[in-house]
Protein backbone atom coordinates (compact mmCIF):
# COMPACT_ATOMS: atom_id res chain seq x y z
CA MET A 1 61.60 -53.54 96.13
CA SER A 2 58.66 -52.37 94.79
CA THR A 3 56.18 -54.27 92.96
CA LEU A 4 53.49 -54.12 90.50
CA PRO A 5 50.02 -55.21 91.53
CA ILE A 6 47.76 -56.19 88.52
CA LEU A 7 43.95 -56.35 89.87
CA MET A 8 41.71 -59.09 88.08
CA TYR A 9 38.06 -58.12 88.10
CA HIS A 10 35.21 -59.49 85.97
CA GLY A 11 31.78 -58.42 86.16
CA LEU A 12 30.29 -55.72 88.49
CA HIS A 13 26.73 -56.54 89.48
CA ARG A 14 24.49 -55.48 92.50
CA GLU A 15 22.23 -58.70 92.59
CA THR A 16 21.69 -61.75 90.66
CA SER A 17 19.10 -60.12 88.25
CA SER A 18 21.52 -57.05 87.45
CA ARG A 19 22.33 -56.55 83.85
CA GLY A 20 25.13 -58.67 82.62
CA ARG A 21 26.59 -62.41 83.37
CA PHE A 22 26.83 -62.57 87.35
CA ASP A 23 29.14 -64.84 88.97
CA PRO A 24 28.54 -65.54 92.58
CA VAL A 25 32.40 -65.51 93.06
CA TYR A 26 33.67 -62.88 90.76
CA SER A 27 30.67 -60.50 90.44
CA VAL A 28 31.97 -57.38 92.47
CA HIS A 29 29.40 -55.03 94.18
CA PRO A 30 29.69 -51.67 92.28
CA GLU A 31 29.60 -49.69 95.53
CA MET A 32 32.80 -51.87 96.85
CA PHE A 33 34.69 -51.32 93.57
CA ALA A 34 33.86 -47.41 93.98
CA ARG A 35 35.26 -47.84 97.48
CA GLN A 36 38.28 -49.83 96.33
CA LEU A 37 39.10 -47.05 93.67
CA ASP A 38 38.94 -44.39 96.37
CA TRP A 39 41.34 -46.38 98.61
CA LEU A 40 43.74 -46.29 95.83
CA LEU A 41 43.62 -42.91 95.50
CA GLN A 42 43.68 -42.08 99.19
CA GLN A 43 46.88 -44.24 98.86
CA GLY A 44 48.50 -42.19 96.48
CA HIS A 45 48.29 -45.30 93.75
CA ARG A 46 47.69 -44.21 90.00
CA THR A 47 46.58 -46.70 87.33
CA ALA A 48 48.26 -46.82 83.87
CA LEU A 49 48.00 -49.23 80.81
CA LEU A 50 50.62 -51.86 80.47
CA ASP A 51 51.88 -50.17 76.97
CA GLU A 52 52.66 -46.85 79.33
CA LEU A 53 54.59 -48.77 82.02
CA PRO A 54 58.48 -48.63 82.01
CA ALA A 55 60.23 -52.19 82.61
CA GLY A 56 62.60 -50.67 85.15
CA ARG A 57 62.54 -50.05 88.67
CA ARG A 58 58.81 -49.07 90.25
CA ASP A 59 58.15 -46.40 92.87
CA GLY A 60 55.48 -48.37 94.43
CA ARG A 61 52.69 -46.17 93.23
CA ASP A 62 51.41 -48.25 89.89
CA VAL A 63 48.46 -50.26 89.82
CA VAL A 64 46.95 -52.06 86.86
CA ILE A 65 43.26 -52.54 86.83
CA THR A 66 42.06 -55.54 84.43
CA PHE A 67 38.75 -56.89 83.71
CA ASP A 68 38.13 -60.29 81.89
CA ASP A 69 35.45 -61.39 79.37
CA GLY A 70 33.68 -58.30 78.53
CA ASP A 71 30.51 -57.77 80.61
CA VAL A 72 28.51 -55.39 79.88
CA SER A 73 28.83 -53.66 83.41
CA ASN A 74 32.47 -52.90 82.40
CA VAL A 75 31.06 -50.03 80.31
CA GLU A 76 27.90 -49.19 82.14
CA ILE A 77 29.21 -49.17 85.66
CA ALA A 78 33.11 -49.53 85.77
CA LEU A 79 33.52 -46.77 83.03
CA PRO A 80 31.50 -43.98 84.73
CA LEU A 81 33.43 -44.98 88.32
CA LEU A 82 36.84 -44.92 86.71
CA ALA A 83 36.35 -42.01 84.47
CA GLU A 84 34.97 -39.92 87.17
CA ARG A 85 38.14 -40.34 89.38
CA GLY A 86 40.47 -39.93 86.39
CA LEU A 87 41.42 -43.63 86.45
CA ARG A 88 41.88 -46.21 83.62
CA ALA A 89 41.81 -50.00 83.12
CA GLU A 90 42.57 -52.81 80.59
CA PHE A 91 39.32 -54.64 79.43
CA PHE A 92 40.09 -58.24 77.90
CA VAL A 93 37.38 -58.94 75.46
CA THR A 94 36.11 -62.60 74.80
CA THR A 95 35.06 -61.99 70.78
CA ASP A 96 32.52 -64.42 70.12
CA PHE A 97 30.58 -63.24 73.34
CA VAL A 98 30.38 -59.32 71.77
CA GLY A 99 26.70 -58.69 71.07
CA GLN A 100 25.57 -61.48 72.99
CA CYS A 101 23.02 -60.74 75.91
CA GLY A 102 24.57 -59.02 78.82
CA MET A 103 27.94 -58.42 77.03
CA LEU A 104 29.56 -55.71 75.13
CA ALA A 105 28.60 -54.64 71.77
CA PRO A 106 31.18 -53.27 69.36
CA ASP A 107 30.10 -49.66 70.23
CA ASP A 108 30.82 -50.55 73.84
CA ILE A 109 34.04 -51.41 73.23
CA ARG A 110 34.85 -48.46 70.81
CA CYS A 111 33.46 -46.29 73.93
CA LEU A 112 35.79 -47.86 76.24
CA ALA A 113 38.88 -47.26 74.18
CA ALA A 114 37.60 -43.47 72.86
CA HIS A 115 37.69 -42.90 77.09
CA GLY A 116 41.50 -43.85 77.13
CA MET A 117 40.96 -47.70 78.47
CA GLY A 118 42.78 -50.32 77.13
CA ILE A 119 41.78 -53.19 74.98
CA GLY A 120 42.99 -56.45 74.95
CA SER A 121 42.27 -60.15 74.14
CA HIS A 122 40.64 -62.79 75.92
CA GLY A 123 40.18 -65.50 73.16
CA CYS A 124 37.47 -65.94 70.64
CA THR A 125 35.20 -68.61 72.44
CA HIS A 126 36.82 -68.78 76.21
CA SER A 127 38.16 -71.95 75.46
CA PHE A 128 40.96 -73.04 77.82
CA LEU A 129 43.98 -72.46 75.69
CA SER A 130 45.74 -75.64 77.07
CA ASP A 131 43.12 -77.92 75.48
CA LEU A 132 43.61 -76.87 72.35
CA ASP A 133 45.81 -78.56 69.70
CA VAL A 134 48.12 -75.88 67.97
CA THR A 135 45.71 -75.19 64.78
CA ASP A 136 42.95 -73.97 67.14
CA LEU A 137 45.00 -72.55 69.54
CA MET A 138 46.52 -70.28 67.03
CA ALA A 139 43.03 -69.20 65.48
CA GLU A 140 41.68 -68.81 68.81
CA LEU A 141 44.50 -66.28 69.57
CA ASP A 142 44.60 -64.58 66.07
CA ASP A 143 41.24 -64.46 65.19
CA SER A 144 40.07 -62.66 68.35
CA ARG A 145 43.02 -60.00 67.88
CA CYS A 146 42.36 -59.29 64.30
CA ARG A 147 38.48 -58.84 65.02
CA LEU A 148 39.21 -56.59 68.28
CA GLN A 149 41.72 -54.65 65.98
CA ALA A 150 38.87 -54.47 63.52
CA ILE A 151 36.49 -53.00 66.35
CA CYS A 152 38.93 -50.45 67.55
CA GLY A 153 40.94 -49.39 64.92
CA ARG A 154 44.24 -49.94 66.65
CA PRO A 155 46.65 -52.70 67.47
CA ILE A 156 45.99 -55.19 69.99
CA ASP A 157 49.03 -56.63 71.88
CA SER A 158 47.83 -57.74 75.39
CA LEU A 159 46.39 -61.01 76.09
CA ALA A 160 44.45 -62.40 79.28
CA LEU A 161 44.37 -66.04 79.53
CA PRO A 162 40.84 -67.53 79.58
CA GLY A 163 40.32 -69.32 83.00
CA GLY A 164 43.93 -68.84 83.53
CA ARG A 165 45.02 -72.22 81.95
CA GLY A 166 48.05 -71.94 79.95
CA GLY A 167 51.83 -72.19 79.92
CA GLU A 168 54.89 -72.11 78.08
CA ARG A 169 53.38 -73.44 74.87
CA GLU A 170 50.64 -70.99 74.71
CA LEU A 171 52.99 -68.01 75.75
CA LEU A 172 55.13 -68.50 72.90
CA ALA A 173 52.29 -69.02 70.47
CA ALA A 174 51.05 -65.55 71.57
CA GLN A 175 54.51 -64.10 71.15
CA ARG A 176 54.65 -65.35 67.48
CA LEU A 177 51.26 -63.74 66.70
CA GLY A 178 52.56 -60.15 68.28
CA TYR A 179 51.26 -60.11 71.96
CA ARG A 180 53.62 -58.16 74.07
CA HIS A 181 51.64 -58.29 77.25
CA LEU A 182 50.58 -61.69 78.67
CA LEU A 183 48.32 -61.94 81.53
CA GLY A 184 47.49 -65.12 83.71
CA SER A 185 46.03 -65.46 86.88
CA VAL A 186 48.33 -67.19 89.41
CA PRO A 187 47.91 -64.74 92.24
CA GLY A 188 50.79 -62.63 93.36
CA PRO A 189 52.46 -59.24 92.60
CA ASN A 190 55.04 -58.71 89.67
CA ARG A 191 58.69 -57.81 90.88
CA ARG A 192 58.71 -56.37 87.09
CA LEU A 193 56.71 -55.72 83.99
CA ARG A 194 57.99 -58.35 81.73
CA THR A 195 57.09 -59.75 78.37
CA ASP A 196 58.54 -63.22 78.58
CA ALA A 197 56.59 -64.77 81.20
CA TRP A 198 52.58 -64.76 82.11
CA LEU A 199 52.21 -61.75 84.42
CA GLN A 200 50.40 -62.44 88.00
CA ARG A 201 47.50 -61.05 89.08
CA LEU A 202 45.26 -60.51 91.99
CA PRO A 203 41.66 -61.84 91.68
CA VAL A 204 38.85 -59.40 93.22
CA THR A 205 36.13 -61.30 94.53
CA ARG A 206 32.64 -60.28 95.58
CA GLN A 207 33.33 -61.15 99.19
CA LEU A 208 36.46 -59.47 99.59
CA ALA A 209 36.50 -56.98 102.50
CA LEU A 210 38.23 -53.61 101.92
CA ASP A 211 40.67 -54.22 104.37
CA ASP A 212 41.66 -57.52 102.62
CA PHE A 213 41.77 -55.50 99.36
CA ALA A 214 44.46 -53.44 100.82
CA ALA A 215 46.55 -56.08 102.17
CA LEU A 216 46.33 -57.76 98.63
CA VAL A 217 47.45 -54.59 96.60
CA HIS A 218 50.18 -54.05 99.22
CA TRP A 219 51.17 -58.07 99.34
CA ARG A 220 51.32 -58.36 103.21
CA GLY A 221 49.40 -60.10 105.82
CA ILE A 222 47.39 -63.17 105.89
CA PRO A 223 44.94 -62.66 102.60
CA PRO A 224 48.08 -63.06 100.18
CA ARG A 225 48.89 -66.23 101.72
CA TRP A 226 45.45 -67.43 101.92
CA MET A 227 44.93 -66.34 98.28
CA GLN A 228 48.15 -68.41 97.38
CA ALA A 229 47.18 -71.53 99.44
CA ARG A 230 43.69 -71.52 97.92
CA HIS A 231 45.16 -71.57 94.51
CA ALA A 232 47.55 -74.58 95.23
CA ALA A 233 44.69 -76.63 96.77
CA LEU A 234 42.63 -75.70 93.58
CA ALA A 235 45.26 -77.14 91.20
CA LEU A 236 44.93 -80.70 92.14
CA PRO A 237 41.46 -81.25 91.44
CA LYS A 238 42.11 -79.39 88.10
CA ARG A 239 45.03 -81.83 87.20
CA VAL A 240 42.88 -84.76 88.32
CA LEU A 241 39.56 -83.90 86.63
CA GLY A 242 41.01 -82.03 83.70
CA ASN A 243 39.61 -78.50 82.55
CA GLY A 244 36.34 -79.50 81.50
CA GLY A 245 35.72 -81.99 84.62
CA TYR A 246 36.68 -79.05 87.00
CA GLN A 247 34.52 -76.53 85.49
CA ARG A 248 31.37 -78.93 85.50
CA LEU A 249 32.27 -79.50 89.11
CA ARG A 250 32.90 -75.50 89.78
CA GLU A 251 29.16 -75.04 88.19
CA ARG A 252 27.27 -77.67 90.28
CA LEU A 253 29.10 -76.40 93.47
CA LEU A 254 28.01 -72.86 93.03
């Protein structure tokens, strides 16, 4: 059965001093991103936005490219590389970051939308949704959606979980507010496009070789198994330390 790979990017940075917010794990080198796009085209893949994808059977060619957070490199680097190849992506923006140093400004978001890119919510504050009480959860989801709709002038119906933290409660809250496409960060392909569960994604990291990228997209070989094992191993310290404690430990180690 054909699957739907959803690739998860963050920022594109050549080095730590590049514009934007460099992350040692998730900041992909722009040249590697370009090579990955070229590989997708060579393999006959096509990129589409979530709203355009049929819910039924797949032919194995569709790939969805996503970016989280709203780093300025999304418009300065990713957009030109995508546009010159006729490709598109979904950009999930944390609205309280908009206009901050190294992050997208409102005009940048409008530029992405004008070039046919998808815009979605990544929350207001990048708080882990599973840590919030019901009132704060609903505000986090609704306020970010409303602000993005005001910036773009079009409905916002997709959400990517900040930090991948969320479950059934967060999914139901998002659905009540009108979100249709709900993306998590559990690694894996999607057997079908569904709106009743968190979609899985494939995190693309700085150290990922092109051969391993290919293995992830086609979901075969050692890289997918290693990625799932790593995700399972990290689940334990997250449960023991809690989201805040785990995040502080990660920042110290990196």
